[in-house]
Amino acid sequence: MKPHLKQWRQRMLFGIFAWGLLFLLIFIYFTDSN
């Protein structure tokens, strides 16, 4: 396995985690305001 591919995979997983967290925060914000 190439180290470059492993690094890209870790970065992609981190990006998905960050977007998921952001989406969750926005969801909580909208449900809390209503």
PDB file of N, CA and C in Angstrom:
ATOM      1  N   MET A   1       0.845  -1.198   0.000  1.00  0.00           N
ATOM      2  CA  MET A   1       0.000   0.000   0.000  1.00  0.00           C
ATOM      3  C   MET A   1       0.880   1.248   0.000  1.00  0.00           C
ATOM      4  N   LYS A   2       0.568   2.169  -0.876  1.00  0.00           N
ATOM      5  CA  LYS A   2       1.370   3.391  -0.966  1.00  0.00           C
ATOM      6  C   LYS A   2       1.056   4.338   0.196  1.00  0.00           C
ATOM      7  N   PRO A   3       2.074   4.995   0.734  1.00  0.00           N
ATOM      8  CA  PRO A   3       1.858   5.939   1.845  1.00  0.00           C
ATOM      9  C   PRO A   3       1.028   7.143   1.419  1.00  0.00           C
ATOM     10  N   HIS A   4       1.134   7.513   0.133  1.00  0.00           N
ATOM     11  CA  HIS A   4       0.365   8.661  -0.363  1.00  0.00           C
ATOM     12  C   HIS A   4      -1.130   8.345  -0.343  1.00  0.00           C
ATOM     13  N   LEU A   5      -1.475   7.119  -0.723  1.00  0.00           N
ATOM     14  CA  LEU A   5      -2.878   6.702  -0.749  1.00  0.00           C
ATOM     15  C   LEU A   5      -3.438   6.650   0.668  1.00  0.00           C
ATOM     16  N   LYS A   6      -2.589   6.195   1.609  1.00  0.00           N
ATOM     17  CA  LYS A   6      -3.018   6.114   3.000  1.00  0.00           C
ATOM     18  C   LYS A   6      -3.275   7.510   3.568  1.00  0.00           C
ATOM     19  N   GLN A   7      -2.410   8.445   3.211  1.00  0.00           N
ATOM     20  CA  GLN A   7      -2.561   9.821   3.699  1.00  0.00           C
ATOM     21  C   GLN A   7      -3.832  10.441   3.119  1.00  0.00           C
ATOM     22  N   TRP A   8      -4.092  10.176   1.825  1.00  0.00           N
ATOM     23  CA  TRP A   8      -5.288  10.714   1.176  1.00  0.00           C
ATOM     24  C   TRP A   8      -6.543  10.135   1.813  1.00  0.00           C
ATOM     25  N   ARG A   9      -6.459   8.854   2.180  1.00  0.00           N
ATOM     26  CA  ARG A   9      -7.611   8.200   2.790  1.00  0.00           C
ATOM     27  C   ARG A   9      -7.894   8.786   4.176  1.00  0.00           C
ATOM     28  N   GLN A  10      -6.845   9.047   4.937  1.00  0.00           N
ATOM     29  CA  GLN A  10      -7.029   9.646   6.264  1.00  0.00           C
ATOM     30  C   GLN A  10      -7.612  11.040   6.135  1.00  0.00           C
ATOM     31  N   ARG A  11      -7.132  11.785   5.134  1.00  0.00           N
ATOM     32  CA  ARG A  11      -7.633  13.148   4.924  1.00  0.00           C
ATOM     33  C   ARG A  11      -9.104  13.123   4.517  1.00  0.00           C
ATOM     34  N   MET A  12      -9.485  12.146   3.695  1.00  0.00           N
ATOM     35  CA  MET A  12     -10.868  12.035   3.244  1.00  0.00           C
ATOM     36  C   MET A  12     -11.782  11.684   4.427  1.00  0.00           C
ATOM     37  N   LEU A  13     -11.313  10.767   5.285  1.00  0.00           N
ATOM     38  CA  LEU A  13     -12.103  10.392   6.454  1.00  0.00           C
ATOM     39  C   LEU A  13     -12.272  11.576   7.391  1.00  0.00           C
ATOM     40  N   PHE A  14     -11.218  12.374   7.541  1.00  0.00           N
ATOM     41  CA  PHE A  14     -11.292  13.556   8.402  1.00  0.00           C
ATOM     42  C   PHE A  14     -12.265  14.575   7.819  1.00  0.00           C
ATOM     43  N   GLY A  15     -12.268  14.704   6.496  1.00  0.00           N
ATOM     44  CA  GLY A  15     -13.178  15.641   5.841  1.00  0.00           C
ATOM     45  C   GLY A  15     -14.632  15.229   6.022  1.00  0.00           C
ATOM     46  N   ILE A  16     -14.895  13.937   5.888  1.00  0.00           N
ATOM     47  CA  ILE A  16     -16.254  13.422   6.083  1.00  0.00           C
ATOM     48  C   ILE A  16     -16.692  13.631   7.532  1.00  0.00           C
ATOM     49  N   PHE A  17     -15.762  13.402   8.466  1.00  0.00           N
ATOM     50  CA  PHE A  17     -16.067  13.589   9.890  1.00  0.00           C
ATOM     51  C   PHE A  17     -16.376  15.049  10.191  1.00  0.00           C
ATOM     52  N   ALA A  18     -15.602  15.957   9.585  1.00  0.00           N
ATOM     53  CA  ALA A  18     -15.802  17.394   9.810  1.00  0.00           C
ATOM     54  C   ALA A  18     -17.152  17.849   9.249  1.00  0.00           C
ATOM     55  N   TRP A  19     -17.492  17.375   8.039  1.00  0.00           N
ATOM     56  CA  TRP A  19     -18.772  17.751   7.428  1.00  0.00           C
ATOM     57  C   TRP A  19     -19.941  17.180   8.225  1.00  0.00           C
ATOM     58  N   GLY A  20     -19.765  15.958   8.727  1.00  0.00           N
ATOM     59  CA  GLY A  20     -20.816  15.331   9.523  1.00  0.00           C
ATOM     60  C   GLY A  20     -21.056  16.093  10.813  1.00  0.00           C
ATOM     61  N   LEU A  21     -19.966  16.543  11.433  1.00  0.00           N
ATOM     62  CA  LEU A  21     -20.078  17.306  12.677  1.00  0.00           C
ATOM     63  C   LEU A  21     -20.749  18.648  12.418  1.00  0.00           C
ATOM     64  N   LEU A  22     -20.379  19.285  11.311  1.00  0.00           N
ATOM     65  CA  LEU A  22     -20.967  20.579  10.958  1.00  0.00           C
ATOM     66  C   LEU A  22     -22.464  20.428  10.679  1.00  0.00           C
ATOM     67  N   PHE A  23     -22.830  19.374   9.948  1.00  0.00           N
ATOM     68  CA  PHE A  23     -24.230  19.118   9.635  1.00  0.00           C
ATOM     69  C   PHE A  23     -25.031  18.855  10.909  1.00  0.00           C
ATOM     70  N   LEU A  24     -24.408  18.124  11.846  1.00  0.00           N
ATOM     71  CA  LEU A  24     -25.075  17.818  13.108  1.00  0.00           C
ATOM     72  C   LEU A  24     -25.300  19.087  13.920  1.00  0.00           C
ATOM     73  N   LEU A  25     -24.314  19.972  13.945  1.00  0.00           N
ATOM     74  CA  LEU A  25     -24.445  21.232  14.681  1.00  0.00           C
ATOM     75  C   LEU A  25     -25.544  22.103  14.088  1.00  0.00           C
ATOM     76  N   ILE A  26     -25.613  22.167  12.755  1.00  0.00           N
ATOM     77  CA  ILE A  26     -26.655  22.955  12.089  1.00  0.00           C
ATOM     78  C   ILE A  26     -28.032  22.346  12.364  1.00  0.00           C
ATOM     79  N   PHE A  27     -28.108  21.014  12.349  1.00  0.00           N
ATOM     80  CA  PHE A  27     -29.373  20.325  12.615  1.00  0.00           C
ATOM     81  C   PHE A  27     -29.855  20.610  14.035  1.00  0.00           C
ATOM     82  N   ILE A  28     -28.936  20.546  14.999  1.00  0.00           N
ATOM     83  CA  ILE A  28     -29.280  20.825  16.402  1.00  0.00           C
ATOM     84  C   ILE A  28     -29.695  22.285  16.556  1.00  0.00           C
ATOM     85  N   TYR A  29     -29.011  23.179  15.852  1.00  0.00           N
ATOM     86  CA  TYR A  29     -29.314  24.612  15.949  1.00  0.00           C
ATOM     87  C   TYR A  29     -30.728  24.915  15.445  1.00  0.00           C
ATOM     88  N   PHE A  30     -31.091  24.324  14.302  1.00  0.00           N
ATOM     89  CA  PHE A  30     -32.414  24.579  13.731  1.00  0.00           C
ATOM     90  C   PHE A  30     -33.526  23.927  14.547  1.00  0.00           C
ATOM     91  N   THR A  31     -33.276  22.733  15.091  1.00  0.00           N
ATOM     92  CA  THR A  31     -34.311  22.058  15.879  1.00  0.00           C
ATOM     93  C   THR A  31     -34.462  22.722  17.241  1.00  0.00           C
ATOM     94  N   ASP A  32     -33.397  23.344  17.730  1.00  0.00           N
ATOM     95  CA  ASP A  32     -33.445  23.999  19.037  1.00  0.00           C
ATOM     96  C   ASP A  32     -34.165  25.344  18.950  1.00  0.00           C
ATOM     97  N   SER A  33     -34.046  26.015  17.805  1.00  0.00           N
ATOM     98  CA  SER A  33     -34.655  27.339  17.651  1.00  0.00           C
ATOM     99  C   SER A  33     -36.164  27.236  17.434  1.00  0.00           C
ATOM    100  N   ASN A  34     -36.618  26.116  16.880  1.00  0.00           N
ATOM    101  CA  ASN A  34     -38.053  25.974  16.609  1.00  0.00           C
ATOM    102  C   ASN A  34     -38.842  25.482  17.816  1.00  0.00           C
TER     103      ASN A  34
END
